[in-house]
Amino acid sequence: MNIQHDIKIARQIGSYGDAVEVPAGARWLFTSGTPGLTAEGQLPDDIESQTELAWSHILEMLRRAGMTVQDIVKVTQYLRSPNDIQAYAGVRKRILEGARPASMLLANCELVRKDFLVEVEIVAARAEGKGQSEGV
């Protein structure tokens, strides 16, 4: 199990942790920046739908690695507009189910495609024997 080091700063800002320690011998999962794009190349127009899709992809990658949101150590999020922070945060909070990984959010940035409103990447770790990888 990953260990939280709470110095009570992050909780003043949002639903994330100040620092997360990973035990020795854990398996690691690193994802690429993941947009809210379907496997068929469709892209919804709104931030909520793109966020739902991006996080559904993250959940699937976790599932394939035998992990859950509780194994997420770090989340990095990129939003094109600061106006989307509240809508994005609502979806993220629901999906993370109380998990509090370390977190970084950058808004008002250009993404690889101008129609992408969000990209999410995670780092996850799970102690050996706590999940089984089923491969990609």
N, C-alpha and C. Protein backbone atom coordinates (compact mmCIF):
# COMPACT_ATOMS: atom_id res chain seq x y z
N MET A 1 0.84 -1.18 0.00
CA MET A 1 0.00 0.00 0.00
C MET A 1 0.88 1.24 0.00
N ASN A 2 0.52 2.23 -0.80
CA ASN A 2 1.25 3.49 -0.86
C ASN A 2 0.97 4.29 0.41
N ILE A 3 1.96 5.02 0.87
CA ILE A 3 1.87 5.74 2.14
C ILE A 3 1.70 7.24 1.88
N GLN A 4 0.70 7.85 2.50
CA GLN A 4 0.46 9.28 2.39
C GLN A 4 1.31 10.03 3.41
N HIS A 5 1.92 11.12 2.99
CA HIS A 5 2.63 12.03 3.89
C HIS A 5 1.89 13.36 3.82
N ASP A 6 0.97 13.55 4.73
CA ASP A 6 0.07 14.71 4.73
C ASP A 6 0.66 15.83 5.59
N ILE A 7 1.03 16.95 4.94
CA ILE A 7 1.51 18.11 5.69
C ILE A 7 0.45 19.21 5.74
N LYS A 8 -0.77 18.84 5.34
CA LYS A 8 -1.97 19.69 5.44
C LYS A 8 -1.96 20.93 4.54
N ILE A 9 -1.18 20.88 3.45
CA ILE A 9 -1.18 21.97 2.48
C ILE A 9 -2.15 21.64 1.35
N ALA A 10 -2.01 20.47 0.75
CA ALA A 10 -2.85 20.08 -0.39
C ALA A 10 -4.33 20.12 -0.05
N ARG A 11 -4.70 19.66 1.14
CA ARG A 11 -6.12 19.63 1.51
C ARG A 11 -6.74 21.03 1.56
N GLN A 12 -5.92 22.07 1.68
CA GLN A 12 -6.44 23.44 1.65
C GLN A 12 -6.85 23.86 0.25
N ILE A 13 -6.37 23.12 -0.76
CA ILE A 13 -6.58 23.49 -2.16
C ILE A 13 -7.55 22.56 -2.87
N GLY A 14 -7.42 21.25 -2.66
CA GLY A 14 -8.25 20.31 -3.41
C GLY A 14 -8.16 18.90 -2.89
N SER A 15 -8.63 17.95 -3.70
CA SER A 15 -8.69 16.54 -3.33
C SER A 15 -7.44 15.81 -3.82
N TYR A 16 -6.33 16.08 -3.19
CA TYR A 16 -5.10 15.39 -3.53
C TYR A 16 -4.19 15.38 -2.31
N GLY A 17 -3.10 14.64 -2.38
CA GLY A 17 -2.18 14.51 -1.27
C GLY A 17 -0.93 15.34 -1.46
N ASP A 18 -0.29 15.66 -0.35
CA ASP A 18 0.97 16.42 -0.41
C ASP A 18 2.11 15.58 -0.97
N ALA A 19 2.22 14.34 -0.50
CA ALA A 19 3.28 13.44 -0.96
C ALA A 19 2.82 12.01 -0.76
N VAL A 20 3.24 11.15 -1.66
CA VAL A 20 2.89 9.73 -1.59
C VAL A 20 4.16 8.92 -1.74
N GLU A 21 4.38 8.02 -0.81
CA GLU A 21 5.57 7.15 -0.83
C GLU A 21 5.17 5.77 -1.33
N VAL A 22 6.01 5.18 -2.15
CA VAL A 22 5.78 3.86 -2.71
C VAL A 22 6.71 2.87 -2.01
N PRO A 23 6.16 1.74 -1.54
CA PRO A 23 7.02 0.76 -0.87
C PRO A 23 7.97 0.07 -1.84
N ALA A 24 9.06 -0.44 -1.32
CA ALA A 24 10.04 -1.19 -2.14
C ALA A 24 9.36 -2.40 -2.77
N GLY A 25 9.77 -2.74 -3.97
CA GLY A 25 9.26 -3.92 -4.65
C GLY A 25 7.93 -3.72 -5.36
N ALA A 26 7.46 -2.50 -5.43
CA ALA A 26 6.18 -2.24 -6.09
C ALA A 26 6.33 -2.29 -7.61
N ARG A 27 5.25 -2.64 -8.29
CA ARG A 27 5.18 -2.54 -9.75
C ARG A 27 4.74 -1.13 -10.07
N TRP A 28 5.27 -0.55 -11.14
CA TRP A 28 4.97 0.83 -11.54
C TRP A 28 4.23 0.86 -12.86
N LEU A 29 3.35 1.84 -13.02
CA LEU A 29 2.66 2.09 -14.28
C LEU A 29 2.75 3.59 -14.57
N PHE A 30 3.25 3.93 -15.74
CA PHE A 30 3.35 5.31 -16.20
C PHE A 30 2.48 5.43 -17.44
N THR A 31 1.56 6.38 -17.47
CA THR A 31 0.77 6.57 -18.69
C THR A 31 1.26 7.81 -19.42
N SER A 32 0.98 7.83 -20.69
CA SER A 32 1.21 9.03 -21.50
C SER A 32 0.10 10.03 -21.21
N GLY A 33 0.28 11.25 -21.68
CA GLY A 33 -0.81 12.21 -21.63
C GLY A 33 -1.99 11.64 -22.41
N THR A 34 -3.15 11.54 -21.78
CA THR A 34 -4.30 10.86 -22.36
C THR A 34 -5.44 11.85 -22.54
N PRO A 35 -5.83 12.13 -23.79
CA PRO A 35 -6.93 13.06 -24.03
C PRO A 35 -8.28 12.35 -23.99
N GLY A 36 -9.34 13.13 -24.05
CA GLY A 36 -10.70 12.60 -24.09
C GLY A 36 -11.14 12.29 -25.50
N LEU A 37 -10.43 11.41 -26.15
CA LEU A 37 -10.63 11.03 -27.54
C LEU A 37 -11.06 9.58 -27.57
N THR A 38 -12.06 9.23 -28.40
CA THR A 38 -12.48 7.83 -28.49
C THR A 38 -11.47 7.04 -29.33
N ALA A 39 -11.52 5.72 -29.24
CA ALA A 39 -10.65 4.85 -30.03
C ALA A 39 -10.91 5.00 -31.52
N GLU A 40 -12.08 5.50 -31.87
CA GLU A 40 -12.43 5.74 -33.27
C GLU A 40 -12.04 7.13 -33.74
N GLY A 41 -11.46 7.93 -32.84
CA GLY A 41 -11.01 9.27 -33.21
C GLY A 41 -12.03 10.37 -33.00
N GLN A 42 -13.16 10.05 -32.37
CA GLN A 42 -14.17 11.07 -32.10
C GLN A 42 -13.77 11.88 -30.86
N LEU A 43 -14.08 13.17 -30.89
CA LEU A 43 -13.74 14.05 -29.78
C LEU A 43 -14.96 14.89 -29.42
N PRO A 44 -15.50 14.72 -28.20
CA PRO A 44 -16.62 15.56 -27.78
C PRO A 44 -16.20 17.02 -27.71
N ASP A 45 -17.17 17.91 -27.75
CA ASP A 45 -16.90 19.35 -27.74
C ASP A 45 -16.71 19.94 -26.34
N ASP A 46 -17.22 19.27 -25.30
CA ASP A 46 -17.25 19.90 -23.97
C ASP A 46 -16.25 19.26 -23.01
N ILE A 47 -15.87 20.02 -22.01
CA ILE A 47 -14.85 19.59 -21.05
C ILE A 47 -15.30 18.39 -20.24
N GLU A 48 -16.57 18.33 -19.82
CA GLU A 48 -17.03 17.20 -19.01
C GLU A 48 -16.90 15.89 -19.79
N SER A 49 -17.34 15.88 -21.03
CA SER A 49 -17.28 14.65 -21.84
C SER A 49 -15.84 14.25 -22.14
N GLN A 50 -14.99 15.22 -22.46
CA GLN A 50 -13.59 14.90 -22.71
C GLN A 50 -12.92 14.38 -21.44
N THR A 51 -13.26 14.97 -20.31
CA THR A 51 -12.69 14.52 -19.04
C THR A 51 -13.14 13.10 -18.71
N GLU A 52 -14.43 12.82 -18.89
CA GLU A 52 -14.95 11.46 -18.66
C GLU A 52 -14.20 10.44 -19.52
N LEU A 53 -14.01 10.76 -20.79
CA LEU A 53 -13.30 9.84 -21.69
C LEU A 53 -11.84 9.66 -21.28
N ALA A 54 -11.16 10.76 -20.99
CA ALA A 54 -9.75 10.67 -20.60
C ALA A 54 -9.61 9.79 -19.36
N TRP A 55 -10.44 10.01 -18.35
CA TRP A 55 -10.36 9.22 -17.14
C TRP A 55 -10.80 7.78 -17.38
N SER A 56 -11.74 7.54 -18.28
CA SER A 56 -12.13 6.15 -18.57
C SER A 56 -10.95 5.40 -19.19
N HIS A 57 -10.15 6.08 -20.01
CA HIS A 57 -8.95 5.46 -20.57
C HIS A 57 -7.93 5.15 -19.46
N ILE A 58 -7.76 6.09 -18.54
CA ILE A 58 -6.85 5.88 -17.41
C ILE A 58 -7.31 4.67 -16.59
N LEU A 59 -8.62 4.60 -16.31
CA LEU A 59 -9.16 3.47 -15.54
C LEU A 59 -8.92 2.14 -16.26
N GLU A 60 -9.05 2.13 -17.58
CA GLU A 60 -8.81 0.91 -18.34
C GLU A 60 -7.33 0.51 -18.28
N MET A 61 -6.43 1.48 -18.37
CA MET A 61 -5.01 1.15 -18.26
C MET A 61 -4.69 0.60 -16.88
N LEU A 62 -5.28 1.19 -15.84
CA LEU A 62 -5.10 0.67 -14.49
C LEU A 62 -5.62 -0.76 -14.39
N ARG A 63 -6.81 -0.99 -14.92
CA ARG A 63 -7.43 -2.31 -14.87
C ARG A 63 -6.53 -3.35 -15.52
N ARG A 64 -6.00 -3.02 -16.70
CA ARG A 64 -5.13 -3.96 -17.42
C ARG A 64 -3.85 -4.27 -16.65
N ALA A 65 -3.44 -3.34 -15.80
CA ALA A 65 -2.24 -3.55 -14.98
C ALA A 65 -2.58 -4.19 -13.63
N GLY A 66 -3.85 -4.51 -13.41
CA GLY A 66 -4.26 -5.09 -12.13
C GLY A 66 -4.24 -4.07 -11.01
N MET A 67 -4.53 -2.82 -11.35
CA MET A 67 -4.50 -1.72 -10.38
C MET A 67 -5.85 -1.01 -10.32
N THR A 68 -5.98 -0.14 -9.33
CA THR A 68 -7.19 0.69 -9.17
C THR A 68 -6.77 2.14 -8.92
N VAL A 69 -7.73 3.01 -8.77
CA VAL A 69 -7.42 4.41 -8.49
C VAL A 69 -6.66 4.56 -7.17
N GLN A 70 -6.82 3.61 -6.27
CA GLN A 70 -6.09 3.66 -4.99
C GLN A 70 -4.58 3.48 -5.19
N ASP A 71 -4.17 2.98 -6.35
CA ASP A 71 -2.76 2.78 -6.64
C ASP A 71 -2.12 3.99 -7.33
N ILE A 72 -2.92 5.00 -7.67
CA ILE A 72 -2.37 6.18 -8.33
C ILE A 72 -1.51 6.95 -7.32
N VAL A 73 -0.27 7.22 -7.71
CA VAL A 73 0.68 7.94 -6.87
C VAL A 73 0.70 9.42 -7.26
N LYS A 74 0.63 9.70 -8.56
CA LYS A 74 0.76 11.07 -9.04
C LYS A 74 -0.13 11.27 -10.26
N VAL A 75 -0.82 12.40 -10.31
CA VAL A 75 -1.64 12.79 -11.46
C VAL A 75 -1.13 14.13 -11.96
N THR A 76 -0.92 14.23 -13.26
CA THR A 76 -0.61 15.51 -13.89
C THR A 76 -1.71 15.78 -14.89
N GLN A 77 -2.32 16.96 -14.79
CA GLN A 77 -3.46 17.32 -15.62
C GLN A 77 -3.18 18.62 -16.36
N TYR A 78 -3.59 18.65 -17.62
CA TYR A 78 -3.40 19.83 -18.45
C TYR A 78 -4.75 20.24 -18.99
N LEU A 79 -5.13 21.49 -18.79
CA LEU A 79 -6.39 22.03 -19.30
C LEU A 79 -6.08 23.22 -20.20
N ARG A 80 -6.82 23.31 -21.30
CA ARG A 80 -6.62 24.47 -22.18
C ARG A 80 -7.09 25.76 -21.52
N SER A 81 -8.15 25.68 -20.73
CA SER A 81 -8.72 26.90 -20.16
C SER A 81 -8.87 26.82 -18.65
N PRO A 82 -8.49 27.87 -17.93
CA PRO A 82 -8.72 27.91 -16.50
C PRO A 82 -10.22 27.89 -16.17
N ASN A 83 -11.06 28.28 -17.12
CA ASN A 83 -12.50 28.26 -16.90
C ASN A 83 -13.04 26.84 -16.74
N ASP A 84 -12.25 25.84 -17.14
CA ASP A 84 -12.69 24.45 -17.07
C ASP A 84 -12.28 23.73 -15.79
N ILE A 85 -11.56 24.41 -14.90
CA ILE A 85 -11.05 23.75 -13.70
C ILE A 85 -12.17 23.15 -12.86
N GLN A 86 -13.21 23.90 -12.58
CA GLN A 86 -14.28 23.41 -11.71
C GLN A 86 -14.98 22.19 -12.32
N ALA A 87 -15.31 22.23 -13.60
CA ALA A 87 -15.98 21.10 -14.25
C ALA A 87 -15.05 19.89 -14.27
N TYR A 88 -13.79 20.09 -14.59
CA TYR A 88 -12.81 19.00 -14.59
C TYR A 88 -12.70 18.39 -13.20
N ALA A 89 -12.55 19.24 -12.18
CA ALA A 89 -12.36 18.76 -10.82
C ALA A 89 -13.54 17.94 -10.32
N GLY A 90 -14.74 18.29 -10.73
CA GLY A 90 -15.91 17.53 -10.32
C GLY A 90 -15.89 16.11 -10.84
N VAL A 91 -15.51 15.95 -12.10
CA VAL A 91 -15.42 14.61 -12.69
C VAL A 91 -14.29 13.83 -12.03
N ARG A 92 -13.15 14.45 -11.90
CA ARG A 92 -11.98 13.80 -11.29
C ARG A 92 -12.28 13.32 -9.87
N LYS A 93 -12.92 14.16 -9.07
CA LYS A 93 -13.22 13.81 -7.68
C LYS A 93 -14.12 12.58 -7.62
N ARG A 94 -15.13 12.53 -8.48
CA ARG A 94 -16.04 11.38 -8.52
C ARG A 94 -15.30 10.11 -8.91
N ILE A 95 -14.43 10.20 -9.90
CA ILE A 95 -13.72 9.02 -10.40
C ILE A 95 -12.69 8.53 -9.39
N LEU A 96 -12.01 9.42 -8.71
CA LEU A 96 -10.97 9.01 -7.77
C LEU A 96 -11.52 8.41 -6.48
N GLU A 97 -12.80 8.53 -6.23
CA GLU A 97 -13.44 7.84 -5.10
C GLU A 97 -12.71 8.04 -3.78
N GLY A 98 -12.25 9.24 -3.51
CA GLY A 98 -11.58 9.51 -2.24
C GLY A 98 -10.08 9.28 -2.25
N ALA A 99 -9.53 8.70 -3.31
CA ALA A 99 -8.07 8.55 -3.41
C ALA A 99 -7.45 9.95 -3.47
N ARG A 100 -6.29 10.11 -2.84
CA ARG A 100 -5.64 11.42 -2.79
C ARG A 100 -4.19 11.33 -3.26
N PRO A 101 -3.99 11.09 -4.57
CA PRO A 101 -2.61 11.04 -5.08
C PRO A 101 -1.99 12.44 -5.09
N ALA A 102 -0.67 12.50 -5.18
CA ALA A 102 -0.01 13.77 -5.42
C ALA A 102 -0.53 14.29 -6.77
N SER A 103 -0.56 15.61 -6.94
CA SER A 103 -1.24 16.15 -8.12
C SER A 103 -0.62 17.45 -8.59
N MET A 104 -0.68 17.66 -9.89
CA MET A 104 -0.28 18.92 -10.52
C MET A 104 -1.29 19.22 -11.61
N LEU A 105 -1.80 20.45 -11.63
CA LEU A 105 -2.74 20.87 -12.66
C LEU A 105 -2.21 22.15 -13.30
N LEU A 106 -2.12 22.13 -14.62
CA LEU A 106 -1.70 23.29 -15.38
C LEU A 106 -2.85 23.68 -16.30
N ALA A 107 -3.29 24.91 -16.20
CA ALA A 107 -4.38 25.40 -17.05
C ALA A 107 -3.85 26.55 -17.91
N ASN A 108 -4.57 26.82 -19.00
CA ASN A 108 -4.20 27.86 -19.93
C ASN A 108 -2.96 27.46 -20.72
N CYS A 109 -2.97 26.22 -21.19
CA CYS A 109 -1.83 25.72 -21.95
C CYS A 109 -2.30 25.17 -23.30
N GLU A 110 -1.38 25.09 -24.22
CA GLU A 110 -1.66 24.52 -25.54
C GLU A 110 -1.37 23.03 -25.49
N LEU A 111 -2.29 22.24 -25.99
CA LEU A 111 -2.11 20.80 -26.06
C LEU A 111 -1.74 20.42 -27.49
N VAL A 112 -1.44 19.17 -27.73
CA VAL A 112 -0.96 18.72 -29.03
C VAL A 112 -1.95 19.02 -30.17
N ARG A 113 -3.24 19.00 -29.85
CA ARG A 113 -4.26 19.40 -30.82
C ARG A 113 -5.09 20.52 -30.22
N LYS A 114 -5.43 21.51 -31.02
CA LYS A 114 -6.18 22.66 -30.52
C LYS A 114 -7.58 22.31 -30.03
N ASP A 115 -8.14 21.17 -30.49
CA ASP A 115 -9.48 20.79 -30.05
C ASP A 115 -9.46 19.94 -28.78
N PHE A 116 -8.26 19.55 -28.28
CA PHE A 116 -8.17 18.86 -27.00
C PHE A 116 -8.36 19.90 -25.89
N LEU A 117 -9.27 19.63 -24.97
CA LEU A 117 -9.51 20.52 -23.84
C LEU A 117 -8.78 20.03 -22.58
N VAL A 118 -8.41 18.75 -22.57
CA VAL A 118 -7.80 18.14 -21.39
C VAL A 118 -6.89 16.98 -21.80
N GLU A 119 -5.83 16.81 -21.03
CA GLU A 119 -5.01 15.59 -21.08
C GLU A 119 -4.65 15.25 -19.64
N VAL A 120 -4.64 13.95 -19.37
CA VAL A 120 -4.33 13.46 -18.02
C VAL A 120 -3.26 12.39 -18.14
N GLU A 121 -2.28 12.45 -17.25
CA GLU A 121 -1.31 11.37 -17.15
C GLU A 121 -1.17 10.99 -15.69
N ILE A 122 -0.88 9.71 -15.47
CA ILE A 122 -0.72 9.26 -14.09
C ILE A 122 0.53 8.42 -13.95
N VAL A 123 0.96 8.31 -12.70
CA VAL A 123 1.94 7.33 -12.27
C VAL A 123 1.24 6.54 -11.17
N ALA A 124 1.27 5.22 -11.29
CA ALA A 124 0.65 4.35 -10.29
C ALA A 124 1.68 3.32 -9.85
N ALA A 125 1.50 2.81 -8.64
CA ALA A 125 2.39 1.76 -8.12
C ALA A 125 1.58 0.84 -7.23
N ARG A 126 1.89 -0.44 -7.32
CA ARG A 126 1.18 -1.43 -6.51
C ARG A 126 2.20 -2.44 -6.00
N ALA A 127 2.13 -2.71 -4.69
CA ALA A 127 3.04 -3.69 -4.10
C ALA A 127 2.81 -5.05 -4.73
N GLU A 128 3.87 -5.78 -4.98
CA GLU A 128 3.77 -7.11 -5.59
C GLU A 128 2.82 -7.99 -4.79
N GLY A 129 2.06 -8.80 -5.53
CA GLY A 129 1.12 -9.71 -4.89
C GLY A 129 -0.23 -9.09 -4.61
N LYS A 130 -0.42 -7.77 -4.88
CA LYS A 130 -1.68 -7.10 -4.61
C LYS A 130 -2.52 -6.94 -5.86
N GLY A 131 -2.08 -7.44 -6.99
CA GLY A 131 -2.83 -7.34 -8.24
C GLY A 131 -2.08 -8.13 -9.30
N GLN A 132 -2.78 -8.53 -10.31
CA GLN A 132 -2.14 -9.30 -11.36
C GLN A 132 -2.30 -8.59 -12.68
N SER A 133 -1.21 -8.44 -13.39
CA SER A 133 -1.24 -7.80 -14.69
C SER A 133 -1.86 -8.74 -15.71
N GLU A 134 -2.78 -8.20 -16.53
CA GLU A 134 -3.31 -9.02 -17.61
C GLU A 134 -2.77 -8.58 -18.95
N GLY A 135 -1.85 -7.62 -18.94
CA GLY A 135 -1.20 -7.20 -20.19
C GLY A 135 -2.07 -6.32 -21.05
N VAL A 136 -1.43 -5.73 -22.01
CA VAL A 136 -2.11 -4.80 -22.91
C VAL A 136 -2.45 -5.51 -24.19
